[in-house]
Amino acid sequence: MRRFLLAGAAVSAMAAAPAFAEESVEVLHWWTAGGEAAALNVLKEDLAAKGVAWQDMPVAGGSGVQAMTALRARVTAGDPPTAVQMLGFDIRDWAEMGVLGNLDDLATEQNWGDVIPAALQEFSKYDDHWIAAPVNVHSTNWMWINKAALDKAGGKAPENMDELYAMLDNFKEQGIVPLAHGGQPWQDGTLWEAVVLSRGGMDFYRQSRAGRRPRGAWR
């Protein structure tokens, strides 16, 4: 059986992996937080229903950097896992190195080309072959609102910046920190990018990122 690489939004086949029992798959991932683990269980249960056992290889770290370090070590040793959670640009990097297999048969059978948006296919295909299957796709520029605090503030989600500032002021009056994030390095980086873009505009942002790979939206 071919070994597969499950990329955080996709499943990619590892071309140079050793044989692996069809009834068992090893999955390297960083979905270790409560909600993430619950989402991962959906995949585990689906495989279990098909008679496939899931061997967990969790690597904690919200950005996936530690997981990619573990993956490089496994691939270098000639022992890649069956599947790996992975971000969009990382998927393309591994494809360029020729270590991903071909998912064309499965994609054709399930009509991926008809149901997966073109923008996501950019990270799911390489040289016009499917090498990844999206399973989780989201953007980093989302803001979540405390429902209880919002109800006290009038129950209406802001639709423009003035309404946002008014809501945050209301939260502060309630004794709630009005705006916060998890303090992880990738979150600091995303916030930095947002500030640079909003203050300096697109040209200044591009200059500030010169020589750096764009951040993916597969988080």
N, C-alpha and C. Protein backbone atom coordinates (compact mmCIF):
# COMPACT_ATOMS: atom_id res chain seq x y z
N MET A 1 0.85 -1.20 0.00
CA MET A 1 0.00 0.00 0.00
C MET A 1 0.88 1.25 0.00
N ARG A 2 0.51 2.27 -0.76
CA ARG A 2 1.23 3.53 -0.73
C ARG A 2 1.02 4.22 0.61
N ARG A 3 2.01 4.94 1.06
CA ARG A 3 1.83 5.71 2.28
C ARG A 3 1.28 7.07 1.93
N PHE A 4 0.46 7.59 2.79
CA PHE A 4 -0.18 8.87 2.52
C PHE A 4 0.26 9.93 3.50
N LEU A 5 0.24 11.15 3.03
CA LEU A 5 0.58 12.30 3.85
C LEU A 5 -0.67 13.15 3.99
N LEU A 6 -1.21 13.21 5.17
CA LEU A 6 -2.41 14.01 5.41
C LEU A 6 -2.00 15.43 5.73
N ALA A 7 -2.27 16.34 4.83
CA ALA A 7 -1.89 17.72 5.05
C ALA A 7 -3.06 18.46 5.63
N GLY A 8 -2.84 19.24 6.64
CA GLY A 8 -3.79 19.94 7.50
C GLY A 8 -4.93 20.47 6.73
N ALA A 9 -4.89 20.51 5.61
CA ALA A 9 -6.04 20.73 4.80
C ALA A 9 -6.01 19.68 3.74
N ALA A 10 -5.17 18.71 3.81
CA ALA A 10 -5.07 17.80 2.68
C ALA A 10 -4.44 16.48 3.01
N VAL A 11 -4.71 15.49 2.17
CA VAL A 11 -4.05 14.20 2.30
C VAL A 11 -3.20 13.98 1.08
N SER A 12 -1.90 13.76 1.27
CA SER A 12 -0.99 13.61 0.15
C SER A 12 -0.26 12.28 0.23
N ALA A 13 -0.02 11.67 -0.88
CA ALA A 13 0.65 10.36 -0.89
C ALA A 13 2.16 10.53 -0.89
N MET A 14 2.83 9.84 0.05
CA MET A 14 4.29 9.87 0.09
C MET A 14 4.81 8.82 -0.88
N ALA A 15 5.55 9.28 -1.86
CA ALA A 15 5.98 8.37 -2.92
C ALA A 15 7.07 7.43 -2.47
N ALA A 16 7.93 7.86 -1.56
CA ALA A 16 9.10 7.07 -1.21
C ALA A 16 8.98 6.37 0.13
N ALA A 17 7.76 6.15 0.58
CA ALA A 17 7.55 5.54 1.89
C ALA A 17 7.52 4.02 1.79
N PRO A 18 7.90 3.32 2.86
CA PRO A 18 7.86 1.87 2.87
C PRO A 18 6.43 1.34 2.91
N ALA A 19 6.27 0.07 2.69
CA ALA A 19 4.95 -0.54 2.70
C ALA A 19 4.33 -0.41 4.09
N PHE A 20 3.00 -0.35 4.12
CA PHE A 20 2.31 -0.16 5.40
C PHE A 20 1.02 -0.96 5.36
N ALA A 21 0.67 -1.56 6.46
CA ALA A 21 -0.53 -2.40 6.50
C ALA A 21 -1.76 -1.56 6.19
N GLU A 22 -2.61 -2.06 5.33
CA GLU A 22 -3.79 -1.31 4.91
C GLU A 22 -4.76 -1.05 6.06
N GLU A 23 -4.72 -1.90 7.11
CA GLU A 23 -5.68 -1.72 8.18
C GLU A 23 -5.19 -0.76 9.25
N SER A 24 -4.07 -0.08 9.02
CA SER A 24 -3.52 0.83 10.03
C SER A 24 -2.78 1.98 9.36
N VAL A 25 -2.98 3.20 9.89
CA VAL A 25 -2.28 4.37 9.38
C VAL A 25 -1.71 5.18 10.54
N GLU A 26 -0.52 5.71 10.35
CA GLU A 26 0.11 6.57 11.35
C GLU A 26 -0.04 8.01 10.90
N VAL A 27 -0.55 8.86 11.78
CA VAL A 27 -0.85 10.25 11.42
C VAL A 27 -0.07 11.21 12.32
N LEU A 28 0.78 12.04 11.71
CA LEU A 28 1.52 13.08 12.42
C LEU A 28 0.71 14.37 12.32
N HIS A 29 0.45 15.01 13.46
CA HIS A 29 -0.39 16.21 13.44
C HIS A 29 -0.09 17.07 14.66
N TRP A 30 -0.63 18.29 14.65
CA TRP A 30 -0.50 19.16 15.83
C TRP A 30 -1.85 19.62 16.36
N TRP A 31 -2.88 18.88 16.02
CA TRP A 31 -4.20 19.18 16.59
C TRP A 31 -4.30 18.56 17.98
N THR A 32 -3.76 19.24 18.97
CA THR A 32 -3.69 18.68 20.32
C THR A 32 -4.58 19.42 21.31
N ALA A 33 -5.03 20.64 20.99
CA ALA A 33 -5.91 21.38 21.89
C ALA A 33 -7.30 20.73 21.90
N GLY A 34 -8.12 21.13 22.87
CA GLY A 34 -9.42 20.47 23.05
C GLY A 34 -10.29 20.42 21.81
N GLY A 35 -10.58 21.60 21.23
CA GLY A 35 -11.42 21.64 20.05
C GLY A 35 -10.80 20.97 18.85
N GLU A 36 -9.48 21.11 18.73
CA GLU A 36 -8.76 20.47 17.62
C GLU A 36 -8.83 18.95 17.73
N ALA A 37 -8.61 18.46 18.95
CA ALA A 37 -8.66 17.02 19.16
C ALA A 37 -10.04 16.47 18.85
N ALA A 38 -11.07 17.24 19.20
CA ALA A 38 -12.44 16.81 18.90
C ALA A 38 -12.66 16.72 17.40
N ALA A 39 -12.12 17.69 16.65
CA ALA A 39 -12.25 17.66 15.20
C ALA A 39 -11.50 16.46 14.62
N LEU A 40 -10.32 16.19 15.18
CA LEU A 40 -9.53 15.07 14.70
C LEU A 40 -10.25 13.74 14.93
N ASN A 41 -11.00 13.68 16.02
CA ASN A 41 -11.74 12.44 16.33
C ASN A 41 -12.76 12.10 15.25
N VAL A 42 -13.27 13.12 14.56
CA VAL A 42 -14.20 12.87 13.46
C VAL A 42 -13.52 12.05 12.37
N LEU A 43 -12.27 12.40 12.06
CA LEU A 43 -11.51 11.65 11.06
C LEU A 43 -11.19 10.24 11.57
N LYS A 44 -10.83 10.16 12.85
CA LYS A 44 -10.51 8.86 13.43
C LYS A 44 -11.72 7.93 13.37
N GLU A 45 -12.87 8.46 13.74
CA GLU A 45 -14.08 7.64 13.76
C GLU A 45 -14.49 7.20 12.35
N ASP A 46 -14.26 8.09 11.38
CA ASP A 46 -14.59 7.74 10.01
C ASP A 46 -13.71 6.59 9.52
N LEU A 47 -12.42 6.65 9.85
CA LEU A 47 -11.52 5.57 9.47
C LEU A 47 -11.87 4.27 10.19
N ALA A 48 -12.20 4.41 11.48
CA ALA A 48 -12.56 3.22 12.26
C ALA A 48 -13.77 2.52 11.66
N ALA A 49 -14.72 3.30 11.15
CA ALA A 49 -15.91 2.72 10.54
C ALA A 49 -15.57 1.95 9.27
N LYS A 50 -14.43 2.29 8.68
CA LYS A 50 -13.97 1.61 7.47
C LYS A 50 -12.98 0.48 7.80
N GLY A 51 -12.81 0.22 9.11
CA GLY A 51 -11.91 -0.84 9.52
C GLY A 51 -10.44 -0.48 9.51
N VAL A 52 -10.13 0.81 9.55
CA VAL A 52 -8.74 1.27 9.52
C VAL A 52 -8.37 1.85 10.89
N ALA A 53 -7.32 1.35 11.48
CA ALA A 53 -6.87 1.83 12.79
C ALA A 53 -6.02 3.09 12.63
N TRP A 54 -6.13 3.99 13.56
CA TRP A 54 -5.40 5.27 13.55
C TRP A 54 -4.30 5.22 14.59
N GLN A 55 -3.05 5.34 14.17
CA GLN A 55 -1.92 5.42 15.10
C GLN A 55 -1.54 6.89 15.23
N ASP A 56 -1.73 7.44 16.41
CA ASP A 56 -1.55 8.87 16.63
C ASP A 56 -0.08 9.23 16.82
N MET A 57 0.37 10.32 16.16
CA MET A 57 1.69 10.89 16.40
C MET A 57 1.53 12.39 16.59
N PRO A 58 1.04 12.83 17.77
CA PRO A 58 0.82 14.25 18.00
C PRO A 58 2.13 14.99 18.28
N VAL A 59 2.26 16.18 17.72
CA VAL A 59 3.41 17.05 17.97
C VAL A 59 2.84 18.42 18.32
N ALA A 60 2.83 18.77 19.60
CA ALA A 60 2.20 20.01 20.05
C ALA A 60 2.89 21.23 19.44
N GLY A 61 2.09 22.26 19.21
CA GLY A 61 2.62 23.50 18.64
C GLY A 61 1.63 24.08 17.66
N GLY A 62 1.04 25.23 18.00
CA GLY A 62 -0.05 25.77 17.20
C GLY A 62 0.28 26.11 15.77
N SER A 63 1.54 26.41 15.46
CA SER A 63 1.89 26.81 14.09
C SER A 63 2.28 25.63 13.22
N GLY A 64 2.59 24.48 13.82
CA GLY A 64 3.00 23.32 13.05
C GLY A 64 4.50 23.26 12.78
N VAL A 65 5.26 24.24 13.27
CA VAL A 65 6.71 24.26 13.03
C VAL A 65 7.37 23.01 13.61
N GLN A 66 6.99 22.67 14.84
CA GLN A 66 7.58 21.50 15.47
C GLN A 66 7.20 20.22 14.72
N ALA A 67 5.98 20.17 14.21
CA ALA A 67 5.54 19.00 13.45
C ALA A 67 6.35 18.84 12.18
N MET A 68 6.64 19.96 11.50
CA MET A 68 7.44 19.89 10.27
C MET A 68 8.87 19.46 10.57
N THR A 69 9.39 19.86 11.73
CA THR A 69 10.73 19.42 12.12
C THR A 69 10.73 17.90 12.32
N ALA A 70 9.69 17.39 12.99
CA ALA A 70 9.57 15.95 13.20
C ALA A 70 9.40 15.22 11.88
N LEU A 71 8.66 15.82 10.95
CA LEU A 71 8.44 15.19 9.65
C LEU A 71 9.75 15.09 8.87
N ARG A 72 10.53 16.17 8.86
CA ARG A 72 11.81 16.14 8.14
C ARG A 72 12.71 15.04 8.67
N ALA A 73 12.71 14.88 9.99
CA ALA A 73 13.54 13.83 10.58
C ALA A 73 13.07 12.46 10.13
N ARG A 74 11.77 12.25 10.09
CA ARG A 74 11.22 10.95 9.68
C ARG A 74 11.50 10.67 8.20
N VAL A 75 11.30 11.67 7.36
CA VAL A 75 11.54 11.48 5.93
C VAL A 75 13.02 11.24 5.66
N THR A 76 13.89 12.00 6.33
CA THR A 76 15.33 11.83 6.16
C THR A 76 15.77 10.43 6.56
N ALA A 77 15.13 9.89 7.59
CA ALA A 77 15.47 8.55 8.07
C ALA A 77 14.84 7.45 7.21
N GLY A 78 14.08 7.84 6.20
CA GLY A 78 13.42 6.86 5.34
C GLY A 78 12.22 6.20 5.99
N ASP A 79 11.63 6.87 6.99
CA ASP A 79 10.50 6.30 7.71
C ASP A 79 9.39 7.34 7.85
N PRO A 80 8.81 7.82 6.75
CA PRO A 80 7.75 8.82 6.85
C PRO A 80 6.48 8.24 7.42
N PRO A 81 5.70 9.04 8.13
CA PRO A 81 4.41 8.56 8.62
C PRO A 81 3.44 8.38 7.46
N THR A 82 2.34 7.73 7.72
CA THR A 82 1.35 7.52 6.68
C THR A 82 0.71 8.83 6.26
N ALA A 83 0.44 9.70 7.23
CA ALA A 83 -0.25 10.95 6.94
C ALA A 83 0.24 12.05 7.85
N VAL A 84 0.18 13.29 7.35
CA VAL A 84 0.68 14.44 8.11
C VAL A 84 -0.22 15.64 7.91
N GLN A 85 -0.57 16.30 9.00
CA GLN A 85 -1.25 17.58 8.91
C GLN A 85 -0.26 18.58 8.37
N MET A 86 -0.68 19.43 7.44
CA MET A 86 0.28 20.31 6.78
C MET A 86 -0.40 21.58 6.29
N LEU A 87 0.35 22.66 6.25
CA LEU A 87 -0.16 23.93 5.74
C LEU A 87 0.04 24.01 4.23
N GLY A 88 -0.69 24.92 3.60
CA GLY A 88 -0.72 25.00 2.14
C GLY A 88 0.62 25.11 1.45
N PHE A 89 1.45 26.09 1.83
CA PHE A 89 2.73 26.27 1.17
C PHE A 89 3.67 25.11 1.47
N ASP A 90 3.56 24.52 2.66
CA ASP A 90 4.39 23.36 2.98
C ASP A 90 4.05 22.19 2.06
N ILE A 91 2.77 22.05 1.72
CA ILE A 91 2.35 20.98 0.82
C ILE A 91 3.10 21.11 -0.51
N ARG A 92 3.14 22.33 -1.03
CA ARG A 92 3.82 22.55 -2.31
C ARG A 92 5.31 22.29 -2.20
N ASP A 93 5.90 22.68 -1.07
CA ASP A 93 7.34 22.44 -0.87
C ASP A 93 7.65 20.95 -0.92
N TRP A 94 6.85 20.14 -0.22
CA TRP A 94 7.08 18.70 -0.21
C TRP A 94 6.82 18.10 -1.59
N ALA A 95 5.86 18.64 -2.30
CA ALA A 95 5.59 18.15 -3.65
C ALA A 95 6.78 18.42 -4.56
N GLU A 96 7.38 19.61 -4.43
CA GLU A 96 8.53 19.96 -5.25
C GLU A 96 9.72 19.05 -4.97
N MET A 97 9.79 18.53 -3.75
CA MET A 97 10.89 17.61 -3.41
C MET A 97 10.62 16.20 -3.90
N GLY A 98 9.44 15.97 -4.46
CA GLY A 98 9.13 14.66 -5.05
C GLY A 98 8.84 13.56 -4.06
N VAL A 99 8.41 13.92 -2.85
CA VAL A 99 8.14 12.88 -1.85
C VAL A 99 6.65 12.58 -1.69
N LEU A 100 5.82 13.27 -2.44
CA LEU A 100 4.38 13.02 -2.36
C LEU A 100 3.93 12.14 -3.52
N GLY A 101 2.96 11.31 -3.23
CA GLY A 101 2.43 10.41 -4.24
C GLY A 101 1.27 11.04 -5.00
N ASN A 102 0.55 10.21 -5.70
CA ASN A 102 -0.49 10.67 -6.62
C ASN A 102 -1.87 10.23 -6.13
N LEU A 103 -2.78 11.19 -6.00
CA LEU A 103 -4.13 10.91 -5.53
C LEU A 103 -5.16 11.06 -6.65
N ASP A 104 -4.70 11.03 -7.88
CA ASP A 104 -5.60 11.26 -9.01
C ASP A 104 -6.77 10.28 -9.05
N ASP A 105 -6.53 9.01 -8.77
CA ASP A 105 -7.60 8.02 -8.85
C ASP A 105 -8.72 8.35 -7.87
N LEU A 106 -8.33 8.66 -6.63
CA LEU A 106 -9.33 8.99 -5.61
C LEU A 106 -10.04 10.29 -5.96
N ALA A 107 -9.29 11.26 -6.46
CA ALA A 107 -9.88 12.55 -6.82
C ALA A 107 -10.90 12.39 -7.94
N THR A 108 -10.57 11.53 -8.90
CA THR A 108 -11.50 11.29 -10.01
C THR A 108 -12.76 10.58 -9.52
N GLU A 109 -12.56 9.58 -8.67
CA GLU A 109 -13.68 8.81 -8.15
C GLU A 109 -14.66 9.69 -7.37
N GLN A 110 -14.12 10.66 -6.63
CA GLN A 110 -14.96 11.49 -5.77
C GLN A 110 -15.22 12.89 -6.36
N ASN A 111 -14.81 13.11 -7.60
CA ASN A 111 -15.09 14.37 -8.30
C ASN A 111 -14.55 15.59 -7.57
N TRP A 112 -13.31 15.50 -7.07
CA TRP A 112 -12.73 16.62 -6.36
C TRP A 112 -12.69 17.89 -7.20
N GLY A 113 -12.40 17.73 -8.49
CA GLY A 113 -12.29 18.89 -9.36
C GLY A 113 -13.57 19.70 -9.45
N ASP A 114 -14.71 19.07 -9.19
CA ASP A 114 -16.00 19.75 -9.27
C ASP A 114 -16.42 20.38 -7.95
N VAL A 115 -15.89 19.89 -6.84
CA VAL A 115 -16.38 20.36 -5.54
C VAL A 115 -15.35 21.17 -4.74
N ILE A 116 -14.09 21.08 -5.11
CA ILE A 116 -13.05 21.84 -4.40
C ILE A 116 -12.80 23.15 -5.13
N PRO A 117 -12.94 24.30 -4.46
CA PRO A 117 -12.73 25.60 -5.12
C PRO A 117 -11.35 25.69 -5.76
N ALA A 118 -11.28 26.43 -6.86
CA ALA A 118 -10.03 26.55 -7.63
C ALA A 118 -8.88 27.06 -6.76
N ALA A 119 -9.16 28.01 -5.86
CA ALA A 119 -8.10 28.56 -5.01
C ALA A 119 -7.48 27.49 -4.13
N LEU A 120 -8.29 26.53 -3.67
CA LEU A 120 -7.76 25.45 -2.83
C LEU A 120 -7.05 24.41 -3.67
N GLN A 121 -7.46 24.25 -4.91
CA GLN A 121 -6.78 23.30 -5.78
C GLN A 121 -5.34 23.71 -6.04
N GLU A 122 -5.04 25.01 -5.91
CA GLU A 122 -3.67 25.49 -6.07
C GLU A 122 -2.73 24.82 -5.07
N PHE A 123 -3.27 24.45 -3.90
CA PHE A 123 -2.45 23.82 -2.87
C PHE A 123 -2.70 22.32 -2.78
N SER A 124 -3.61 21.83 -3.59
CA SER A 124 -3.94 20.41 -3.55
C SER A 124 -3.41 19.66 -4.77
N LYS A 125 -2.89 20.40 -5.75
CA LYS A 125 -2.39 19.79 -6.97
C LYS A 125 -0.98 20.30 -7.26
N TYR A 126 -0.20 19.45 -7.92
CA TYR A 126 1.15 19.83 -8.33
C TYR A 126 1.43 19.17 -9.68
N ASP A 127 1.90 19.96 -10.63
CA ASP A 127 2.09 19.46 -12.00
C ASP A 127 0.81 18.80 -12.52
N ASP A 128 -0.32 19.41 -12.16
CA ASP A 128 -1.63 18.97 -12.61
C ASP A 128 -2.04 17.61 -12.05
N HIS A 129 -1.42 17.16 -10.97
CA HIS A 129 -1.80 15.92 -10.30
C HIS A 129 -2.22 16.24 -8.86
N TRP A 130 -3.25 15.55 -8.40
CA TRP A 130 -3.70 15.74 -7.02
C TRP A 130 -2.70 15.10 -6.06
N ILE A 131 -2.23 15.91 -5.10
CA ILE A 131 -1.28 15.40 -4.10
C ILE A 131 -1.76 15.70 -2.68
N ALA A 132 -2.97 16.29 -2.57
CA ALA A 132 -3.50 16.64 -1.26
C ALA A 132 -5.02 16.75 -1.33
N ALA A 133 -5.66 16.43 -0.22
CA ALA A 133 -7.12 16.51 -0.14
C ALA A 133 -7.51 17.43 1.01
N PRO A 134 -8.11 18.58 0.75
CA PRO A 134 -8.48 19.51 1.83
C PRO A 134 -9.44 18.86 2.83
N VAL A 135 -9.10 18.99 4.10
CA VAL A 135 -9.99 18.52 5.16
C VAL A 135 -10.28 19.62 6.18
N ASN A 136 -9.48 20.67 6.19
CA ASN A 136 -9.70 21.78 7.12
C ASN A 136 -9.08 23.03 6.52
N VAL A 137 -9.90 24.00 6.20
CA VAL A 137 -9.41 25.22 5.58
C VAL A 137 -10.02 26.42 6.28
N HIS A 138 -9.20 27.33 6.75
CA HIS A 138 -9.72 28.55 7.33
C HIS A 138 -8.69 29.65 7.23
N SER A 139 -9.10 30.86 7.46
CA SER A 139 -8.23 32.02 7.37
C SER A 139 -7.75 32.42 8.77
N THR A 140 -6.68 33.20 8.80
CA THR A 140 -6.15 33.64 10.10
C THR A 140 -6.74 34.96 10.55
N ASN A 141 -7.47 35.66 9.68
CA ASN A 141 -7.93 37.01 10.02
C ASN A 141 -9.37 37.01 10.53
N TRP A 142 -9.68 36.06 11.39
CA TRP A 142 -11.00 36.00 12.01
C TRP A 142 -10.95 36.58 13.41
N MET A 143 -12.08 37.13 13.84
CA MET A 143 -12.19 37.62 15.21
C MET A 143 -13.42 36.97 15.84
N TRP A 144 -13.20 36.39 17.02
CA TRP A 144 -14.30 35.74 17.74
C TRP A 144 -14.79 36.65 18.86
N ILE A 145 -16.11 36.68 19.06
CA ILE A 145 -16.70 37.57 20.06
C ILE A 145 -17.28 36.74 21.21
N ASN A 146 -17.00 37.18 22.43
CA ASN A 146 -17.57 36.56 23.62
C ASN A 146 -19.08 36.78 23.61
N LYS A 147 -19.86 35.71 23.50
CA LYS A 147 -21.30 35.83 23.34
C LYS A 147 -21.96 36.49 24.56
N ALA A 148 -21.54 36.11 25.75
CA ALA A 148 -22.15 36.69 26.95
C ALA A 148 -21.87 38.19 27.01
N ALA A 149 -20.62 38.58 26.69
CA ALA A 149 -20.27 40.00 26.71
C ALA A 149 -21.02 40.75 25.63
N LEU A 150 -21.17 40.13 24.46
CA LEU A 150 -21.90 40.77 23.36
C LEU A 150 -23.36 41.00 23.73
N ASP A 151 -23.97 40.03 24.41
CA ASP A 151 -25.37 40.17 24.82
C ASP A 151 -25.52 41.38 25.74
N LYS A 152 -24.56 41.56 26.65
CA LYS A 152 -24.61 42.70 27.56
C LYS A 152 -24.37 44.01 26.83
N ALA A 153 -23.67 43.92 25.69
CA ALA A 153 -23.36 45.12 24.91
C ALA A 153 -24.44 45.44 23.89
N GLY A 154 -25.54 44.70 23.91
CA GLY A 154 -26.62 44.98 22.99
C GLY A 154 -26.94 43.85 22.05
N GLY A 155 -26.06 42.84 21.99
CA GLY A 155 -26.34 41.65 21.20
C GLY A 155 -26.15 41.77 19.71
N LYS A 156 -25.57 42.87 19.24
CA LYS A 156 -25.38 43.06 17.81
C LYS A 156 -23.89 43.03 17.47
N ALA A 157 -23.52 42.14 16.55
CA ALA A 157 -22.13 42.07 16.11
C ALA A 157 -21.79 43.30 15.27
N PRO A 158 -20.61 43.89 15.43
CA PRO A 158 -20.24 45.10 14.68
C PRO A 158 -20.15 44.82 13.19
N GLU A 159 -20.55 45.81 12.40
CA GLU A 159 -20.49 45.70 10.95
C GLU A 159 -19.50 46.68 10.33
N ASN A 160 -18.90 47.53 11.15
CA ASN A 160 -17.86 48.46 10.68
C ASN A 160 -16.93 48.77 11.84
N MET A 161 -15.87 49.51 11.57
CA MET A 161 -14.86 49.75 12.59
C MET A 161 -15.40 50.59 13.74
N ASP A 162 -16.25 51.57 13.45
CA ASP A 162 -16.81 52.39 14.53
C ASP A 162 -17.62 51.54 15.51
N GLU A 163 -18.42 50.62 14.97
CA GLU A 163 -19.21 49.73 15.82
C GLU A 163 -18.30 48.78 16.60
N LEU A 164 -17.20 48.35 15.96
CA LEU A 164 -16.25 47.48 16.66
C LEU A 164 -15.64 48.20 17.85
N TYR A 165 -15.18 49.45 17.64
CA TYR A 165 -14.58 50.21 18.73
C TYR A 165 -15.59 50.44 19.85
N ALA A 166 -16.84 50.70 19.49
CA ALA A 166 -17.88 50.91 20.50
C ALA A 166 -18.11 49.64 21.31
N MET A 167 -18.12 48.51 20.64
CA MET A 167 -18.31 47.25 21.33
C MET A 167 -17.14 46.97 22.28
N LEU A 168 -15.91 47.22 21.82
CA LEU A 168 -14.73 46.99 22.66
C LEU A 168 -14.74 47.91 23.88
N ASP A 169 -15.18 49.15 23.68
CA ASP A 169 -15.29 50.06 24.81
C ASP A 169 -16.31 49.52 25.82
N ASN A 170 -17.39 48.97 25.32
CA ASN A 170 -18.42 48.40 26.18
C ASN A 170 -17.86 47.21 26.95
N PHE A 171 -17.08 46.38 26.27
CA PHE A 171 -16.46 45.23 26.95
C PHE A 171 -15.56 45.72 28.08
N LYS A 172 -14.79 46.78 27.82
CA LYS A 172 -13.88 47.31 28.83
C LYS A 172 -14.66 47.79 30.05
N GLU A 173 -15.82 48.43 29.79
CA GLU A 173 -16.68 48.88 30.89
C GLU A 173 -17.21 47.71 31.70
N GLN A 174 -17.33 46.54 31.05
CA GLN A 174 -17.79 45.34 31.75
C GLN A 174 -16.66 44.67 32.54
N GLY A 175 -15.44 45.23 32.44
CA GLY A 175 -14.30 44.64 33.13
C GLY A 175 -13.66 43.51 32.36
N ILE A 176 -13.93 43.46 31.05
CA ILE A 176 -13.38 42.40 30.18
C ILE A 176 -12.27 42.98 29.32
N VAL A 177 -11.16 42.28 29.22
CA VAL A 177 -10.10 42.70 28.29
C VAL A 177 -10.73 42.75 26.90
N PRO A 178 -10.75 43.91 26.25
CA PRO A 178 -11.53 44.06 25.02
C PRO A 178 -11.00 43.30 23.81
N LEU A 179 -9.69 43.12 23.72
CA LEU A 179 -9.12 42.45 22.55
C LEU A 179 -7.90 41.66 22.98
N ALA A 180 -7.84 40.41 22.59
CA ALA A 180 -6.72 39.56 23.02
C ALA A 180 -6.52 38.42 22.03
N HIS A 181 -5.32 37.84 22.09
CA HIS A 181 -5.06 36.62 21.33
C HIS A 181 -4.20 35.69 22.17
N GLY A 182 -3.88 34.53 21.64
CA GLY A 182 -3.24 33.49 22.44
C GLY A 182 -1.79 33.69 22.79
N GLY A 183 -1.13 34.69 22.16
CA GLY A 183 0.25 34.96 22.49
C GLY A 183 1.26 33.99 21.92
N GLN A 184 0.83 33.16 20.97
CA GLN A 184 1.76 32.24 20.32
C GLN A 184 2.50 32.98 19.21
N PRO A 185 3.74 32.56 18.89
CA PRO A 185 4.54 33.28 17.89
C PRO A 185 3.83 33.51 16.56
N TRP A 186 3.13 32.48 16.05
CA TRP A 186 2.47 32.66 14.76
C TRP A 186 1.34 33.69 14.86
N GLN A 187 0.72 33.79 16.05
CA GLN A 187 -0.34 34.79 16.23
C GLN A 187 0.26 36.19 16.29
N ASP A 188 1.41 36.32 16.95
CA ASP A 188 2.10 37.61 16.98
C ASP A 188 2.47 38.03 15.56
N GLY A 189 2.95 37.07 14.76
CA GLY A 189 3.33 37.37 13.39
C GLY A 189 2.16 37.81 12.54
N THR A 190 1.02 37.13 12.71
CA THR A 190 -0.17 37.48 11.95
C THR A 190 -0.65 38.88 12.32
N LEU A 191 -0.62 39.21 13.62
CA LEU A 191 -1.04 40.53 14.07
C LEU A 191 -0.09 41.60 13.52
N TRP A 192 1.21 41.30 13.53
CA TRP A 192 2.20 42.24 12.99
C TRP A 192 1.92 42.52 11.52
N GLU A 193 1.63 41.48 10.76
CA GLU A 193 1.35 41.65 9.34
C GLU A 193 0.12 42.53 9.13
N ALA A 194 -0.92 42.31 9.95
CA ALA A 194 -2.14 43.10 9.81
C ALA A 194 -1.87 44.58 10.08
N VAL A 195 -1.06 44.87 11.10
CA VAL A 195 -0.75 46.26 11.44
C VAL A 195 0.07 46.91 10.32
N VAL A 196 1.08 46.20 9.82
CA VAL A 196 1.93 46.73 8.75
C VAL A 196 1.09 47.03 7.50
N LEU A 197 0.21 46.10 7.16
CA LEU A 197 -0.63 46.26 5.96
C LEU A 197 -1.59 47.44 6.12
N SER A 198 -2.21 47.54 7.29
CA SER A 198 -3.20 48.59 7.49
C SER A 198 -2.57 49.97 7.61
N ARG A 199 -1.35 50.04 8.17
CA ARG A 199 -0.70 51.34 8.36
C ARG A 199 0.07 51.79 7.13
N GLY A 200 0.71 50.85 6.43
CA GLY A 200 1.58 51.24 5.33
C GLY A 200 1.05 50.97 3.94
N GLY A 201 -0.02 50.17 3.85
CA GLY A 201 -0.55 49.84 2.54
C GLY A 201 0.15 48.65 1.91
N MET A 202 -0.36 48.24 0.74
CA MET A 202 0.11 47.02 0.10
C MET A 202 1.59 47.11 -0.31
N ASP A 203 2.00 48.23 -0.91
CA ASP A 203 3.39 48.34 -1.37
C ASP A 203 4.36 48.25 -0.20
N PHE A 204 4.05 48.97 0.89
CA PHE A 204 4.93 48.93 2.06
C PHE A 204 4.96 47.52 2.66
N TYR A 205 3.79 46.87 2.68
CA TYR A 205 3.73 45.50 3.19
C TYR A 205 4.62 44.58 2.37
N ARG A 206 4.53 44.68 1.06
CA ARG A 206 5.35 43.83 0.19
C ARG A 206 6.82 44.08 0.39
N GLN A 207 7.20 45.35 0.57
CA GLN A 207 8.61 45.66 0.82
C GLN A 207 9.07 45.07 2.15
N SER A 208 8.19 45.12 3.15
CA SER A 208 8.55 44.58 4.47
C SER A 208 8.70 43.07 4.43
N ARG A 209 8.02 42.42 3.46
CA ARG A 209 8.06 40.96 3.35
C ARG A 209 9.03 40.52 2.26
N ALA A 210 9.80 41.42 1.70
CA ALA A 210 10.69 41.08 0.59
C ALA A 210 11.60 39.92 0.96
N GLY A 211 11.61 38.91 0.08
CA GLY A 211 12.46 37.75 0.32
C GLY A 211 11.86 36.71 1.22
N ARG A 212 10.65 36.97 1.72
CA ARG A 212 9.97 36.02 2.61
C ARG A 212 8.81 35.38 1.88
N ARG A 213 8.58 34.12 2.18
CA ARG A 213 7.46 33.42 1.57
C ARG A 213 6.15 33.90 2.17
N PRO A 214 5.12 34.13 1.35
CA PRO A 214 3.82 34.56 1.90
C PRO A 214 3.30 33.55 2.91
N ARG A 215 2.58 34.06 3.88
CA ARG A 215 1.97 33.18 4.87
C ARG A 215 0.76 32.50 4.26
N GLY A 216 0.57 31.24 4.56
CA GLY A 216 -0.58 30.52 4.01
C GLY A 216 -1.86 30.81 4.80
N ALA A 217 -2.98 30.45 4.22
CA ALA A 217 -4.27 30.62 4.90
C ALA A 217 -4.79 29.29 5.41
N TRP A 218 -3.93 28.29 5.56
CA TRP A 218 -4.36 26.95 5.96
C TRP A 218 -4.07 26.74 7.42
N ARG A 219 -4.69 27.54 8.26
CA ARG A 219 -4.44 27.39 9.68
C ARG A 219 -5.74 27.15 10.39
